Amino acid sequence: MIQTKSQPMTVSEFSAFLRVSRHKVYEKIRSGEIPALHFGRRVLIDLDEALESMRRERGKTA
């Protein structure tokens, strides 16, 4: 069983949380910068995993 600390968020919720466009979130998902789960047309993002992944990506470019 996979344990997670945070509830999964939709792309709309995640984009509102980051204050960026949904298009930008989808771009980051496609590039692999934001991990996401795909269930048919529904895309869910684990907040903790996504933020950690973005921190790692940011560290690579710095």
N, C-alpha and C. Protein backbone atom coordinates (compact mmCIF):
# COMPACT_ATOMS: atom_id res chain seq x y z
N MET A 1 0.83 -1.18 0.00
CA MET A 1 0.00 0.00 0.00
C MET A 1 0.88 1.25 0.00
N ILE A 2 0.55 2.20 -0.85
CA ILE A 2 1.29 3.44 -0.93
C ILE A 2 0.72 4.42 0.09
N GLN A 3 1.59 5.00 0.89
CA GLN A 3 1.13 6.00 1.86
C GLN A 3 1.55 7.38 1.40
N THR A 4 0.65 8.30 1.58
CA THR A 4 0.93 9.68 1.21
C THR A 4 0.45 10.60 2.33
N LYS A 5 1.14 11.68 2.54
CA LYS A 5 0.77 12.62 3.59
C LYS A 5 -0.31 13.59 3.13
N SER A 6 -0.33 13.88 1.85
CA SER A 6 -1.27 14.87 1.34
C SER A 6 -2.29 14.22 0.42
N GLN A 7 -3.42 14.86 0.28
CA GLN A 7 -4.45 14.41 -0.64
C GLN A 7 -4.02 14.75 -2.07
N PRO A 8 -4.34 13.90 -3.01
CA PRO A 8 -4.04 14.25 -4.41
C PRO A 8 -4.84 15.47 -4.83
N MET A 9 -4.24 16.28 -5.70
CA MET A 9 -4.88 17.49 -6.20
C MET A 9 -5.10 17.36 -7.70
N THR A 10 -6.12 18.02 -8.19
CA THR A 10 -6.31 18.10 -9.64
C THR A 10 -5.34 19.14 -10.20
N VAL A 11 -5.22 19.16 -11.51
CA VAL A 11 -4.35 20.15 -12.15
C VAL A 11 -4.86 21.56 -11.84
N SER A 12 -6.16 21.76 -11.83
CA SER A 12 -6.72 23.08 -11.52
C SER A 12 -6.38 23.51 -10.10
N GLU A 13 -6.51 22.59 -9.15
CA GLU A 13 -6.19 22.91 -7.77
C GLU A 13 -4.71 23.21 -7.60
N PHE A 14 -3.87 22.40 -8.26
CA PHE A 14 -2.42 22.58 -8.15
C PHE A 14 -1.99 23.90 -8.79
N SER A 15 -2.57 24.23 -9.92
CA SER A 15 -2.21 25.49 -10.58
C SER A 15 -2.65 26.69 -9.73
N ALA A 16 -3.80 26.59 -9.08
CA ALA A 16 -4.25 27.66 -8.18
C ALA A 16 -3.32 27.77 -6.98
N PHE A 17 -2.86 26.64 -6.46
CA PHE A 17 -1.95 26.63 -5.32
C PHE A 17 -0.64 27.33 -5.68
N LEU A 18 -0.11 27.05 -6.88
CA LEU A 18 1.15 27.66 -7.32
C LEU A 18 0.96 29.04 -7.95
N ARG A 19 -0.28 29.38 -8.24
CA ARG A 19 -0.60 30.63 -8.93
C ARG A 19 0.06 30.72 -10.30
N VAL A 20 -0.08 29.61 -11.04
CA VAL A 20 0.38 29.55 -12.43
C VAL A 20 -0.78 29.01 -13.26
N SER A 21 -0.65 29.07 -14.57
CA SER A 21 -1.71 28.58 -15.44
C SER A 21 -1.76 27.05 -15.46
N ARG A 22 -2.93 26.52 -15.78
CA ARG A 22 -3.06 25.06 -15.92
C ARG A 22 -2.15 24.58 -17.06
N HIS A 23 -2.05 25.38 -18.10
CA HIS A 23 -1.19 25.02 -19.24
C HIS A 23 0.25 24.79 -18.77
N LYS A 24 0.75 25.67 -17.91
CA LYS A 24 2.12 25.55 -17.39
C LYS A 24 2.28 24.26 -16.59
N VAL A 25 1.26 23.91 -15.79
CA VAL A 25 1.31 22.67 -15.02
C VAL A 25 1.36 21.47 -15.96
N TYR A 26 0.51 21.47 -16.99
CA TYR A 26 0.53 20.37 -17.96
C TYR A 26 1.89 20.27 -18.65
N GLU A 27 2.51 21.40 -18.98
CA GLU A 27 3.86 21.40 -19.59
C GLU A 27 4.86 20.72 -18.65
N LYS A 28 4.81 21.07 -17.36
CA LYS A 28 5.74 20.50 -16.38
C LYS A 28 5.48 19.01 -16.18
N ILE A 29 4.23 18.58 -16.29
CA ILE A 29 3.91 17.16 -16.19
C ILE A 29 4.50 16.43 -17.40
N ARG A 30 4.28 16.97 -18.60
CA ARG A 30 4.82 16.35 -19.81
C ARG A 30 6.34 16.25 -19.80
N SER A 31 7.00 17.26 -19.24
CA SER A 31 8.47 17.26 -19.21
C SER A 31 9.02 16.36 -18.11
N GLY A 32 8.14 15.91 -17.20
CA GLY A 32 8.58 15.04 -16.12
C GLY A 32 8.98 15.78 -14.85
N GLU A 33 8.88 17.09 -14.87
CA GLU A 33 9.26 17.88 -13.70
C GLU A 33 8.26 17.73 -12.55
N ILE A 34 6.99 17.53 -12.91
CA ILE A 34 5.95 17.29 -11.91
C ILE A 34 5.41 15.88 -12.12
N PRO A 35 5.56 14.99 -11.12
CA PRO A 35 5.00 13.65 -11.26
C PRO A 35 3.48 13.70 -11.11
N ALA A 36 2.79 12.89 -11.90
CA ALA A 36 1.33 12.89 -11.86
C ALA A 36 0.81 11.48 -12.14
N LEU A 37 -0.38 11.22 -11.64
CA LEU A 37 -1.07 9.97 -11.90
C LEU A 37 -2.18 10.23 -12.90
N HIS A 38 -2.28 9.38 -13.90
CA HIS A 38 -3.30 9.53 -14.94
C HIS A 38 -4.33 8.43 -14.79
N PHE A 39 -5.59 8.81 -14.66
CA PHE A 39 -6.71 7.89 -14.58
C PHE A 39 -7.67 8.27 -15.69
N GLY A 40 -7.51 7.66 -16.85
CA GLY A 40 -8.32 8.07 -17.99
C GLY A 40 -7.96 9.50 -18.34
N ARG A 41 -8.94 10.37 -18.33
CA ARG A 41 -8.70 11.79 -18.63
C ARG A 41 -8.33 12.58 -17.38
N ARG A 42 -8.49 11.96 -16.23
CA ARG A 42 -8.22 12.67 -14.97
C ARG A 42 -6.74 12.59 -14.61
N VAL A 43 -6.18 13.71 -14.22
CA VAL A 43 -4.78 13.80 -13.83
C VAL A 43 -4.73 14.28 -12.38
N LEU A 44 -4.05 13.50 -11.51
CA LEU A 44 -3.93 13.87 -10.11
C LEU A 44 -2.47 14.06 -9.74
N ILE A 45 -2.23 15.01 -8.86
CA ILE A 45 -0.88 15.37 -8.45
C ILE A 45 -0.80 15.29 -6.94
N ASP A 46 0.20 14.56 -6.42
CA ASP A 46 0.44 14.52 -4.99
C ASP A 46 1.28 15.75 -4.64
N LEU A 47 0.77 16.61 -3.78
CA LEU A 47 1.42 17.88 -3.48
C LEU A 47 2.84 17.68 -2.95
N ASP A 48 3.01 16.81 -1.98
CA ASP A 48 4.34 16.60 -1.40
C ASP A 48 5.35 16.11 -2.43
N GLU A 49 4.95 15.12 -3.23
CA GLU A 49 5.85 14.58 -4.26
C GLU A 49 6.19 15.63 -5.31
N ALA A 50 5.18 16.38 -5.73
CA ALA A 50 5.40 17.39 -6.77
C ALA A 50 6.35 18.49 -6.29
N LEU A 51 6.14 18.96 -5.08
CA LEU A 51 7.01 20.02 -4.56
C LEU A 51 8.44 19.53 -4.39
N GLU A 52 8.59 18.30 -3.91
CA GLU A 52 9.94 17.72 -3.75
C GLU A 52 10.62 17.56 -5.11
N SER A 53 9.89 17.09 -6.08
CA SER A 53 10.43 16.93 -7.43
C SER A 53 10.85 18.27 -8.02
N MET A 54 10.04 19.30 -7.81
CA MET A 54 10.37 20.63 -8.32
C MET A 54 11.60 21.19 -7.61
N ARG A 55 11.75 20.91 -6.32
CA ARG A 55 12.95 21.35 -5.60
C ARG A 55 14.20 20.70 -6.17
N ARG A 56 14.11 19.39 -6.45
CA ARG A 56 15.26 18.67 -7.03
C ARG A 56 15.62 19.24 -8.40
N GLU A 57 14.60 19.48 -9.23
CA GLU A 57 14.83 20.04 -10.57
C GLU A 57 15.48 21.42 -10.47
N ARG A 58 15.03 22.20 -9.53
CA ARG A 58 15.56 23.55 -9.35
C ARG A 58 17.04 23.48 -8.92
N GLY A 59 17.36 22.51 -8.06
CA GLY A 59 18.74 22.34 -7.61
C GLY A 59 19.69 21.94 -8.72
N LYS A 60 19.19 21.22 -9.72
CA LYS A 60 20.02 20.79 -10.84
C LYS A 60 20.46 21.98 -11.70
N THR A 61 19.58 22.97 -11.82
CA THR A 61 19.89 24.10 -12.68
C THR A 61 20.66 25.19 -11.95
N ALA A 62 20.66 25.14 -10.64
CA ALA A 62 21.34 26.20 -9.87
C ALA A 62 22.82 25.96 -9.76
